[in-house]
Amino acid sequence: MPRRVINSSSSSSSPTMWSSFNPAAAGRHRRLSCLLLPAAFLVLTFTFCTQPATAAICGTLSYDPSSKICCSGSLQPLYNINTKCCGTTSYDSSTKICCSGSVQPWYNVNTQCCGTTSYDTSTKLCCDGQVQPLYNINTKCCGTTSYDSSTKLCCSGSLQPWYNINTKCCGTTSYDSSTKICCGGTLQPWYNINTKCCGTISYDSSTKICCGGTLQPWYNINTQCCGTTSYDTKTRICCSGSVQPWYNINTQCCGTISYDSSTKICCDGSVQPWYNINTKCCGTTSYDTSTKVCCSGSVQPWYNINTQCCGTTSYDTKTRICCGGTLQPWYNINTKCCGTISYDSSTKICCDGSVQPWYNINTKCCGTTSYDTSTKVCCSGSVQPWYNINTQCCGTTSYDTKTRICCDGSVQPWYNINTKCCGTTSYDTSTKVCCSGSVQPWYNINTQCCGTTSYDASTKVCCSGSVQPSYGINTKCCGTTSYDTSTKSCCNGVLC
């Protein structure tokens, strides 16, 4: 609304401007408009000033910040300079408090929030979002409930009686630890200072022992557990969870069985006889190493210092030889193995696992066959004749390179120095020509090939693999036919 300001001066040269709103509170500056009346009309000079409010925006609505406030898009009343927003609601922060979006009463300087509720911390307590009574300085929370810790005890969220300074929790129950003991969440009797737990049961450790969750007798200070059983270590021994007899200081375990190590031996979990200092184990059996030998877990005879093993059998290396796990005859110092067979290497030879004859120092192997290299030759695993120093192999056949030629694995005749191969056939290049693997006649220096056929290029022409007459310089092909271009034409592969 326009306000009127009376200027005490009779002159209008210095009008006074007045603003009724704080620019910072309003959110923007305002411009004053003043109307001056000349002194000719009035004795006193009056200045009329207007202050139009500039509207602010809250969501899609405009509002006057001097009387409203925008709270999360909602227009709310503006109480005073203490006005604040609590979610979409405005409140006077001098008389209210905002608790998680809810406007709550303000009590005093001790006011705090407990979830969406306010409370006075001098008279109340916040327990897990719930306002609870404050009894005294001993007040504590047990879940959502407050309690006097001098008279109660909180056990896993449950309020329980307080007996004395010995009060403790056992699960959700309280108990006097001077008369009870908690074993695995279960209250059990308290016997004396030796009371202990064995699972969910209490016991007097001076008369019992707990072995694997099972109560067992206590014999003396030598009592120990063996699995779920107790035993006296002076008279028993524990072997893999089994209580066994104690013989003497030599008592040992062999699996789940005890034995006297001065008279027995343990062989792979089996108690076996002890013979003497030469006693050893062979699998699950014991043996005397001075009279026996162990061959792959089998006790075998000992012959002499030459005794060895061949698989599961023993043998004398002076009379036998082991070939591939099989005992074979021993001939002499030249005895060797050929696979699973023995042989005399002075008279035989081993060719790919086959014993073959030995001819002389020239003896060699050709596959599984032996041969004399001075009279034979090996061609791809086949023994062939040796002709002379010109002997070579052609596939699995030998030949004399002076009289023969090898054409693609086939032995062919040798004609002269002009001899060549045409596929698997030989030919004389001075009288023949090779056309695609076929031997054809040689006519003259004009000889050429037309597919697998030869022709004289001075009198013939090749048309798509077919030999045709030549008409001269005008000769051309029409498909597989020749023609004279001066007299004929080729129309789509047909003479026309």
Protein backbone atom coordinates (compact mmCIF):
# COMPACT_ATOMS: atom_id res chain seq x y z
CA MET A 1 0.00 0.00 0.00
CA PRO A 2 1.35 3.55 -0.76
CA ARG A 3 2.64 5.42 2.23
CA ARG A 4 2.71 9.19 2.66
CA VAL A 5 5.81 10.95 3.91
CA ILE A 6 5.63 14.59 5.07
CA ASN A 7 8.69 16.61 4.23
CA SER A 8 9.31 19.26 6.88
CA SER A 9 11.17 21.38 4.37
CA SER A 10 9.26 23.80 2.24
CA SER A 11 11.57 22.99 -0.63
CA SER A 12 11.12 19.83 -2.74
CA SER A 13 14.74 19.82 -3.93
CA SER A 14 15.68 16.84 -1.57
CA PRO A 15 12.75 14.43 -1.23
CA THR A 16 13.07 11.64 1.31
CA MET A 17 12.69 8.01 0.07
CA TRP A 18 11.32 5.32 2.37
CA SER A 19 11.22 1.54 2.12
CA SER A 20 9.13 -0.67 4.42
CA PHE A 21 10.77 -4.03 3.44
CA ASN A 22 14.20 -5.44 3.88
CA PRO A 23 15.60 -6.26 0.38
CA ALA A 24 17.53 -9.28 1.70
CA ALA A 25 14.40 -10.80 3.29
CA ALA A 26 12.26 -10.14 0.26
CA GLY A 27 14.69 -11.77 -2.08
CA ARG A 28 14.97 -8.82 -4.52
CA HIS A 29 15.25 -4.95 -4.52
CA ARG A 30 12.24 -2.72 -5.02
CA ARG A 31 12.12 0.59 -6.86
CA LEU A 32 10.39 3.54 -5.20
CA SER A 33 8.11 5.80 -7.24
CA CYS A 34 7.42 9.22 -5.79
CA LEU A 35 4.98 11.98 -6.85
CA LEU A 36 5.98 15.59 -5.93
CA LEU A 37 3.34 18.35 -5.73
CA PRO A 38 4.55 21.84 -6.63
CA ALA A 39 4.58 24.47 -3.89
CA ALA A 40 2.28 26.62 -6.03
CA PHE A 41 -0.60 24.38 -5.10
CA LEU A 42 0.23 23.48 -1.49
CA VAL A 43 1.76 25.31 1.38
CA LEU A 44 3.68 22.20 2.41
CA THR A 45 5.40 19.92 -0.02
CA PHE A 46 4.04 16.33 0.06
CA THR A 47 5.89 13.38 -1.50
CA PHE A 48 3.75 10.29 -2.36
CA CYS A 49 5.86 7.07 -2.75
CA THR A 50 4.56 3.71 -3.96
CA GLN A 51 6.28 0.37 -3.42
CA PRO A 52 4.92 -2.28 -5.78
CA ALA A 53 5.96 -5.81 -4.68
CA THR A 54 7.80 -7.87 -7.27
CA ALA A 55 6.27 -11.42 -7.14
CA ALA A 56 8.45 -14.56 -6.60
CA ILE A 57 7.71 -18.02 -8.04
CA CYS A 58 6.94 -21.21 -6.02
CA GLY A 59 6.38 -24.06 -8.40
CA THR A 60 3.80 -22.68 -10.84
CA LEU A 61 2.49 -19.99 -8.45
CA SER A 62 3.68 -16.45 -7.86
CA TYR A 63 3.73 -15.10 -4.31
CA ASP A 64 4.68 -12.14 -2.15
CA PRO A 65 7.83 -13.09 -0.16
CA SER A 66 6.81 -10.56 2.52
CA SER A 67 3.93 -12.74 3.61
CA LYS A 68 4.66 -16.24 2.25
CA ILE A 69 7.49 -18.74 2.02
CA CYS A 70 8.04 -21.54 -0.52
CA CYS A 71 8.61 -24.98 1.07
CA SER A 72 9.44 -27.68 -1.47
CA GLY A 73 6.97 -26.24 -4.00
CA SER A 74 4.22 -25.56 -1.44
CA LEU A 75 3.23 -21.96 -0.38
CA GLN A 76 3.26 -21.62 3.40
CA PRO A 77 2.75 -18.77 5.89
CA LEU A 78 5.72 -16.50 6.75
CA TYR A 79 5.58 -15.99 10.52
CA ASN A 80 8.64 -13.90 11.21
CA ILE A 81 12.38 -13.88 10.63
CA ASN A 82 12.56 -17.29 12.43
CA THR A 83 10.34 -18.93 9.81
CA LYS A 84 11.86 -22.12 8.31
CA CYS A 85 10.68 -25.02 6.20
CA CYS A 86 10.06 -28.58 7.44
CA GLY A 87 9.33 -30.56 4.32
CA THR A 88 6.34 -28.83 2.70
CA THR A 89 5.34 -27.04 5.94
CA SER A 90 6.61 -23.75 7.40
CA TYR A 91 7.20 -23.25 11.13
CA ASP A 92 8.47 -20.74 13.65
CA SER A 93 11.89 -22.13 14.68
CA SER A 94 11.71 -20.20 17.98
CA THR A 95 8.72 -22.29 19.14
CA LYS A 96 8.94 -25.48 17.03
CA ILE A 97 11.50 -28.01 15.80
CA CYS A 98 11.58 -30.10 12.59
CA CYS A 99 12.01 -33.85 13.19
CA SER A 100 12.40 -35.91 10.00
CA GLY A 101 9.85 -33.79 8.12
CA SER A 102 7.41 -33.48 11.04
CA VAL A 103 6.89 -30.16 12.94
CA GLN A 104 7.15 -30.87 16.68
CA PRO A 105 7.02 -28.83 19.91
CA TRP A 106 10.13 -27.02 21.19
CA TYR A 107 10.47 -27.50 24.94
CA ASN A 108 13.74 -25.88 25.89
CA VAL A 109 17.45 -25.97 25.08
CA ASN A 110 17.37 -29.74 25.81
CA THR A 111 14.93 -30.39 22.97
CA GLN A 112 16.07 -33.05 20.51
CA CYS A 113 14.49 -35.30 17.89
CA CYS A 114 13.71 -39.01 18.29
CA GLY A 115 12.60 -40.15 14.88
CA THR A 116 9.64 -37.90 13.97
CA THR A 117 8.99 -36.87 17.61
CA SER A 118 10.64 -34.18 19.74
CA TYR A 119 11.50 -34.71 23.41
CA ASP A 120 13.14 -33.08 26.41
CA THR A 121 16.46 -34.89 27.04
CA SER A 122 16.31 -33.91 30.72
CA THR A 123 13.16 -36.03 31.27
CA LYS A 124 13.08 -38.50 28.38
CA LEU A 125 15.34 -40.90 26.45
CA CYS A 126 15.29 -41.95 22.80
CA CYS A 127 15.44 -45.73 22.36
CA ASP A 128 15.63 -46.90 18.78
CA GLY A 129 13.24 -44.17 17.56
CA GLN A 130 10.86 -44.41 20.56
CA VAL A 131 10.62 -41.75 23.32
CA GLN A 132 10.92 -43.48 26.69
CA PRO A 133 11.02 -42.36 30.35
CA LEU A 134 14.35 -41.23 31.86
CA TYR A 135 14.53 -42.73 35.35
CA ASN A 136 17.93 -41.64 36.57
CA ILE A 137 21.58 -41.53 35.52
CA ASN A 138 21.46 -45.37 35.25
CA THR A 139 18.80 -45.27 32.55
CA LYS A 140 19.72 -47.25 29.41
CA CYS A 141 17.96 -48.59 26.34
CA CYS A 142 16.98 -52.21 25.71
CA GLY A 143 15.65 -52.22 22.18
CA THR A 144 12.82 -49.65 22.12
CA THR A 145 12.36 -49.68 25.92
CA SER A 146 14.24 -47.72 28.59
CA TYR A 147 15.19 -49.28 31.93
CA ASP A 148 17.03 -48.64 35.16
CA SER A 149 20.32 -50.55 34.78
CA SER A 150 20.70 -50.69 38.57
CA THR A 151 17.61 -52.94 38.85
CA LYS A 152 17.38 -54.61 35.41
CA LEU A 153 19.61 -56.19 32.78
CA CYS A 154 19.13 -56.22 29.02
CA CYS A 155 19.76 -59.68 27.54
CA SER A 156 19.57 -59.77 23.73
CA GLY A 157 16.75 -57.19 23.69
CA SER A 158 14.85 -58.74 26.62
CA LEU A 159 14.62 -57.03 30.07
CA GLN A 160 15.63 -59.43 32.82
CA PRO A 161 16.05 -59.24 36.62
CA TRP A 162 19.30 -57.92 38.15
CA TYR A 163 20.41 -60.11 41.06
CA ASN A 164 23.80 -58.79 42.09
CA ILE A 165 27.20 -57.90 40.67
CA ASN A 166 27.46 -61.53 39.46
CA THR A 167 24.45 -61.10 37.17
CA LYS A 168 25.14 -62.09 33.56
CA CYS A 169 23.17 -62.93 30.42
CA CYS A 170 22.61 -66.40 28.98
CA GLY A 171 20.81 -65.84 25.72
CA THR A 172 17.69 -63.81 26.60
CA THR A 173 17.79 -64.81 30.29
CA SER A 174 19.73 -63.31 33.21
CA TYR A 175 21.34 -65.42 35.91
CA ASP A 176 23.51 -65.29 39.01
CA SER A 177 26.96 -66.49 37.80
CA SER A 178 27.85 -67.48 41.38
CA THR A 179 25.19 -70.25 41.33
CA LYS A 180 24.75 -71.02 37.60
CA ILE A 181 26.81 -71.28 34.41
CA CYS A 182 25.77 -70.64 30.83
CA CYS A 183 26.64 -73.52 28.49
CA GLY A 184 25.77 -72.97 24.84
CA GLY A 185 22.82 -70.72 25.73
CA THR A 186 21.49 -73.14 28.37
CA LEU A 187 21.60 -72.48 32.15
CA GLN A 188 23.39 -75.28 34.01
CA PRO A 189 24.37 -75.97 37.64
CA TRP A 190 27.56 -74.42 39.09
CA TYR A 191 29.47 -77.00 41.14
CA ASN A 192 32.67 -75.26 42.15
CA ILE A 193 35.63 -73.36 40.70
CA ASN A 194 36.32 -76.45 38.53
CA THR A 195 32.97 -76.10 36.76
CA LYS A 196 33.25 -76.07 32.95
CA CYS A 197 31.00 -76.56 29.95
CA CYS A 198 30.86 -79.58 27.65
CA GLY A 199 28.50 -78.50 24.90
CA THR A 200 25.27 -77.49 26.68
CA ILE A 201 26.09 -79.45 29.88
CA SER A 202 28.12 -78.29 32.90
CA TYR A 203 30.51 -80.60 34.72
CA ASP A 204 33.10 -80.75 37.50
CA SER A 205 36.46 -80.85 35.65
CA SER A 206 38.08 -82.48 38.72
CA THR A 207 36.00 -85.65 38.17
CA LYS A 208 35.14 -85.55 34.45
CA ILE A 209 36.70 -84.58 31.12
CA CYS A 210 34.99 -83.35 27.96
CA CYS A 211 36.03 -85.32 24.86
CA GLY A 212 34.52 -84.17 21.59
CA GLY A 213 31.37 -82.89 23.34
CA THR A 214 30.96 -86.09 25.39
CA LEU A 215 31.54 -86.35 29.18
CA GLN A 216 34.10 -89.02 30.01
CA PRO A 217 35.76 -90.31 33.22
CA TRP A 218 38.80 -88.47 34.67
CA TYR A 219 41.41 -90.96 35.82
CA ASN A 220 44.36 -88.86 36.91
CA ILE A 221 46.67 -86.12 35.68
CA ASN A 222 47.59 -88.43 32.79
CA THR A 223 44.01 -88.38 31.47
CA GLN A 224 43.65 -87.29 27.84
CA CYS A 225 41.08 -87.54 25.08
CA CYS A 226 41.15 -89.94 22.14
CA GLY A 227 38.28 -88.83 19.92
CA THR A 228 35.19 -88.97 22.20
CA THR A 229 36.84 -91.34 24.71
CA SER A 230 39.13 -90.57 27.68
CA TYR A 231 42.14 -92.72 28.58
CA ASP A 232 45.11 -92.96 30.94
CA THR A 233 48.28 -92.23 28.93
CA LYS A 234 50.25 -94.45 31.34
CA THR A 235 48.35 -97.60 30.34
CA ARG A 236 46.86 -96.77 26.91
CA ILE A 237 47.78 -95.07 23.62
CA CYS A 238 45.56 -93.25 21.13
CA CYS A 239 45.88 -94.55 17.56
CA SER A 240 43.88 -92.50 15.03
CA GLY A 241 40.95 -92.04 17.44
CA SER A 242 41.07 -95.61 18.82
CA VAL A 243 42.27 -96.39 22.40
CA GLN A 244 44.82 -99.22 22.22
CA PRO A 245 47.05 -101.12 24.69
CA TRP A 246 50.37 -99.63 25.86
CA TYR A 247 53.12 -102.30 25.89
CA ASN A 248 56.29 -100.44 26.77
CA ILE A 249 58.39 -97.47 25.67
CA ASN A 250 58.59 -99.12 22.21
CA THR A 251 54.81 -98.89 21.76
CA GLN A 252 53.82 -97.21 18.48
CA CYS A 253 50.74 -96.91 16.29
CA CYS A 254 50.11 -98.69 13.00
CA GLY A 255 46.91 -97.13 11.71
CA THR A 256 44.32 -97.75 14.47
CA ILE A 257 46.36 -100.57 16.09
CA SER A 258 49.21 -100.34 18.63
CA TYR A 259 52.26 -102.61 18.52
CA ASP A 260 55.63 -103.25 20.17
CA SER A 261 58.17 -101.86 17.68
CA SER A 262 60.90 -104.10 19.19
CA THR A 263 59.10 -107.25 17.97
CA LYS A 264 56.90 -105.97 15.09
CA ILE A 265 57.00 -103.60 12.15
CA CYS A 266 54.26 -101.52 10.54
CA CYS A 267 53.96 -102.06 6.80
CA ASP A 268 51.47 -99.76 5.09
CA GLY A 269 48.99 -99.98 8.01
CA SER A 270 49.53 -103.71 8.63
CA VAL A 271 51.45 -105.06 11.68
CA GLN A 272 54.05 -107.59 10.43
CA PRO A 273 56.83 -109.76 11.99
CA TRP A 274 60.25 -108.26 12.79
CA TYR A 275 63.05 -110.65 11.79
CA ASN A 276 66.24 -108.76 12.45
CA ILE A 277 67.98 -105.50 11.60
CA ASN A 278 67.58 -106.42 7.93
CA THR A 279 63.76 -106.32 8.21
CA LYS A 280 62.02 -104.05 5.71
CA CYS A 281 58.56 -103.62 4.24
CA CYS A 282 57.40 -104.78 0.81
CA GLY A 283 53.91 -103.32 0.45
CA THR A 284 51.92 -104.66 3.42
CA THR A 285 54.41 -107.53 4.03
CA SER A 286 57.70 -107.58 5.95
CA TYR A 287 60.80 -109.50 4.77
CA ASP A 288 64.43 -110.21 5.59
CA THR A 289 66.57 -108.31 3.05
CA SER A 290 69.41 -110.86 3.53
CA THR A 291 67.28 -113.68 2.05
CA LYS A 292 64.57 -111.95 0.03
CA VAL A 293 64.06 -109.04 -2.36
CA CYS A 294 61.03 -106.82 -2.96
CA CYS A 295 59.89 -106.63 -6.59
CA SER A 296 57.04 -104.16 -7.18
CA GLY A 297 55.34 -105.09 -3.88
CA SER A 298 56.02 -108.85 -4.18
CA VAL A 299 58.54 -110.65 -1.93
CA GLN A 300 60.86 -112.74 -4.16
CA PRO A 301 63.93 -115.00 -3.65
CA TRP A 302 67.41 -113.48 -3.28
CA TYR A 303 69.95 -115.46 -5.36
CA ASN A 304 73.17 -113.54 -5.00
CA ILE A 305 74.64 -110.08 -5.48
CA ASN A 306 73.49 -110.30 -9.11
CA THR A 307 69.83 -110.51 -8.07
CA GLN A 308 67.55 -107.95 -9.73
CA CYS A 309 63.84 -107.50 -10.40
CA CYS A 310 61.96 -108.01 -13.65
CA GLY A 311 58.46 -106.73 -12.92
CA THR A 312 57.25 -108.70 -9.86
CA THR A 313 59.84 -111.48 -10.35
CA SER A 314 63.46 -111.71 -9.18
CA TYR A 315 66.24 -113.21 -11.31
CA ASP A 316 69.99 -113.82 -11.49
CA THR A 317 71.51 -111.41 -14.04
CA LYS A 318 74.20 -114.01 -14.78
CA THR A 319 71.66 -116.45 -16.27
CA ARG A 320 68.74 -114.25 -17.36
CA ILE A 321 67.97 -110.87 -18.88
CA CYS A 322 64.83 -108.75 -18.43
CA CYS A 323 63.35 -107.61 -21.76
CA GLY A 324 60.30 -105.36 -21.48
CA GLY A 325 59.27 -106.95 -18.17
CA THR A 326 59.73 -110.52 -19.51
CA LEU A 327 62.54 -112.88 -18.42
CA GLN A 328 64.59 -114.07 -21.39
CA PRO A 329 67.68 -116.32 -21.89
CA TRP A 330 71.19 -114.89 -21.38
CA TYR A 331 73.58 -116.03 -24.16
CA ASN A 332 76.80 -114.18 -23.50
CA ILE A 333 78.17 -110.70 -23.00
CA ASN A 334 76.68 -109.83 -26.41
CA THR A 335 73.13 -110.55 -25.18
CA LYS A 336 70.71 -107.68 -25.84
CA CYS A 337 66.97 -107.09 -25.90
CA CYS A 338 64.82 -106.69 -28.99
CA GLY A 339 61.42 -105.72 -27.61
CA THR A 340 60.49 -108.57 -25.22
CA ILE A 341 62.98 -111.04 -26.83
CA SER A 342 66.69 -111.50 -26.09
CA TYR A 343 69.31 -112.18 -28.80
CA ASP A 344 73.02 -112.60 -29.39
CA SER A 345 74.09 -109.32 -30.99
CA SER A 346 77.20 -111.06 -32.49
CA THR A 347 75.00 -113.22 -34.76
CA LYS A 348 71.71 -111.30 -34.93
CA ILE A 349 70.43 -107.75 -35.33
CA CYS A 350 67.24 -106.11 -34.01
CA CYS A 351 65.18 -104.45 -36.72
CA ASP A 352 62.20 -102.51 -35.40
CA GLY A 353 61.45 -105.13 -32.72
CA SER A 354 62.19 -108.13 -34.96
CA VAL A 355 65.33 -110.31 -34.56
CA GLN A 356 67.00 -110.66 -37.99
CA PRO A 357 70.17 -112.32 -39.40
CA TRP A 358 73.56 -110.58 -39.14
CA TYR A 359 75.53 -110.86 -42.40
CA ASN A 360 78.64 -108.83 -41.86
CA ILE A 361 79.76 -105.35 -40.89
CA ASN A 362 77.65 -104.05 -43.80
CA THR A 363 74.44 -105.36 -42.17
CA LYS A 364 71.70 -102.77 -41.73
CA CYS A 365 67.95 -102.70 -41.17
CA CYS A 366 65.28 -101.99 -43.77
CA GLY A 367 62.07 -101.76 -41.75
CA THR A 368 61.78 -105.11 -39.92
CA THR A 369 64.23 -106.87 -42.30
CA SER A 370 68.06 -106.95 -42.26
CA TYR A 371 70.20 -106.74 -45.42
CA ASP A 372 73.78 -106.61 -46.68
CA THR A 373 74.43 -103.05 -47.91
CA SER A 374 77.14 -104.34 -50.26
CA THR A 375 74.59 -106.35 -52.31
CA LYS A 376 71.25 -104.79 -51.53
CA VAL A 377 69.61 -101.38 -51.11
CA CYS A 378 66.64 -100.31 -48.99
CA CYS A 379 63.91 -98.52 -50.93
CA SER A 380 61.07 -97.21 -48.73
CA GLY A 381 61.24 -100.27 -46.43
CA SER A 382 61.71 -102.79 -49.28
CA VAL A 383 65.03 -104.64 -49.84
CA GLN A 384 66.02 -104.29 -53.51
CA PRO A 385 68.98 -105.35 -55.71
CA TRP A 386 72.20 -103.29 -55.78
CA TYR A 387 73.44 -102.89 -59.40
CA ASN A 388 76.41 -100.62 -59.15
CA ILE A 389 77.41 -97.21 -57.88
CA ASN A 390 74.64 -95.76 -60.10
CA THR A 391 71.95 -97.64 -58.14
CA GLN A 392 69.14 -95.45 -56.83
CA CYS A 393 65.59 -95.92 -55.56
CA CYS A 394 62.38 -95.20 -57.45
CA GLY A 395 59.62 -95.62 -54.90
CA THR A 396 60.04 -99.18 -53.55
CA THR A 397 62.12 -100.30 -56.55
CA SER A 398 65.87 -99.93 -57.25
CA TYR A 399 67.30 -99.12 -60.69
CA ASP A 400 70.52 -98.37 -62.58
CA THR A 401 70.53 -94.67 -63.46
CA LYS A 402 72.72 -95.46 -66.48
CA THR A 403 69.98 -97.54 -68.18
CA ARG A 404 66.81 -96.40 -66.51
CA ILE A 405 65.01 -93.25 -65.36
CA CYS A 406 62.47 -92.78 -62.54
CA CYS A 407 59.27 -91.17 -63.72
CA ASP A 408 56.87 -90.38 -60.89
CA GLY A 409 57.72 -93.61 -59.01
CA SER A 410 57.85 -95.79 -62.14
CA VAL A 411 61.13 -97.16 -63.63
CA GLN A 412 61.23 -96.32 -67.36
CA PRO A 413 63.69 -96.82 -70.23
CA TRP A 414 66.63 -94.42 -70.73
CA TYR A 415 67.05 -93.50 -74.45
CA ASN A 416 69.80 -90.94 -74.52
CA ILE A 417 70.74 -87.60 -73.05
CA ASN A 418 67.42 -86.26 -74.44
CA THR A 419 65.42 -88.64 -72.22
CA LYS A 420 62.79 -86.96 -70.04
CA CYS A 421 59.65 -87.94 -68.16
CA CYS A 422 56.08 -87.35 -69.27
CA GLY A 423 54.02 -88.35 -66.23
CA THR A 424 54.99 -91.98 -65.51
CA THR A 425 56.42 -92.52 -69.03
CA SER A 426 59.88 -91.68 -70.41
CA TYR A 427 60.46 -90.29 -73.94
CA ASP A 428 63.12 -89.01 -76.34
CA THR A 429 62.67 -85.24 -76.59
CA SER A 430 64.29 -85.26 -80.01
CA THR A 431 61.47 -87.37 -81.51
CA LYS A 432 58.57 -86.88 -79.10
CA VAL A 433 56.82 -84.16 -77.16
CA CYS A 434 54.88 -84.33 -73.87
CA CYS A 435 51.38 -82.88 -74.04
CA SER A 436 49.56 -82.84 -70.67
CA GLY A 437 51.11 -86.16 -69.60
CA SER A 438 50.73 -87.84 -73.01
CA VAL A 439 53.72 -88.65 -75.28
CA GLN A 440 52.99 -87.29 -78.80
CA PRO A 441 54.86 -87.09 -82.14
CA TRP A 442 57.42 -84.31 -82.82
CA TYR A 443 56.93 -82.84 -86.34
CA ASN A 444 59.38 -80.00 -86.52
CA ILE A 445 60.31 -76.82 -84.74
CA ASN A 446 56.68 -75.70 -85.20
CA THR A 447 55.41 -78.59 -83.07
CA GLN A 448 53.01 -77.47 -80.34
CA CYS A 449 50.47 -79.08 -78.00
CA CYS A 450 46.70 -78.84 -78.24
CA GLY A 451 45.41 -80.48 -75.06
CA THR A 452 46.90 -84.01 -75.07
CA THR A 453 47.65 -83.90 -78.83
CA SER A 454 50.64 -82.44 -80.74
CA TYR A 455 50.36 -80.62 -84.07
CA ASP A 456 52.37 -78.74 -86.69
CA ALA A 457 51.57 -75.09 -86.05
CA SER A 458 52.59 -74.19 -89.60
CA THR A 459 49.67 -76.18 -91.07
CA LYS A 460 47.27 -76.53 -88.14
CA VAL A 461 45.68 -74.43 -85.44
CA CYS A 462 44.36 -75.33 -81.95
CA CYS A 463 40.75 -74.33 -81.26
CA SER A 464 39.65 -75.03 -77.68
CA GLY A 465 41.62 -78.28 -77.51
CA SER A 466 40.76 -79.43 -81.04
CA VAL A 467 43.33 -79.49 -83.88
CA GLN A 468 41.88 -77.67 -86.92
CA PRO A 469 43.09 -76.68 -90.43
CA SER A 470 45.01 -73.42 -90.83
CA TYR A 471 43.84 -71.15 -93.72
CA GLY A 472 46.59 -68.65 -93.40
CA ILE A 473 46.95 -65.32 -91.71
CA ASN A 474 43.15 -64.91 -91.76
CA THR A 475 42.62 -68.09 -89.68
CA LYS A 476 40.61 -67.74 -86.47
CA CYS A 477 38.65 -70.07 -84.16
CA CYS A 478 34.90 -70.23 -83.74
CA GLY A 479 34.47 -72.54 -80.75
CA THR A 480 36.31 -75.77 -81.66
CA THR A 481 36.31 -75.00 -85.41
CA SER A 482 38.77 -72.91 -87.46
CA TYR A 483 37.65 -70.60 -90.29
CA ASP A 484 38.91 -68.14 -92.88
CA THR A 485 37.85 -64.67 -91.75
CA SER A 486 37.88 -63.47 -95.36
CA THR A 487 35.04 -65.82 -96.29
CA LYS A 488 33.24 -66.58 -93.04
CA SER A 489 32.19 -65.08 -89.74
CA CYS A 490 31.60 -66.45 -86.24
CA CYS A 491 28.17 -65.68 -84.80
CA ASN A 492 27.86 -66.64 -81.11
CA GLY A 493 30.16 -69.66 -81.53
CA VAL A 494 28.60 -70.78 -84.83
CA LEU A 495 30.03 -70.16 -88.32
CA CYS A 496 27.80 -67.90 -90.36
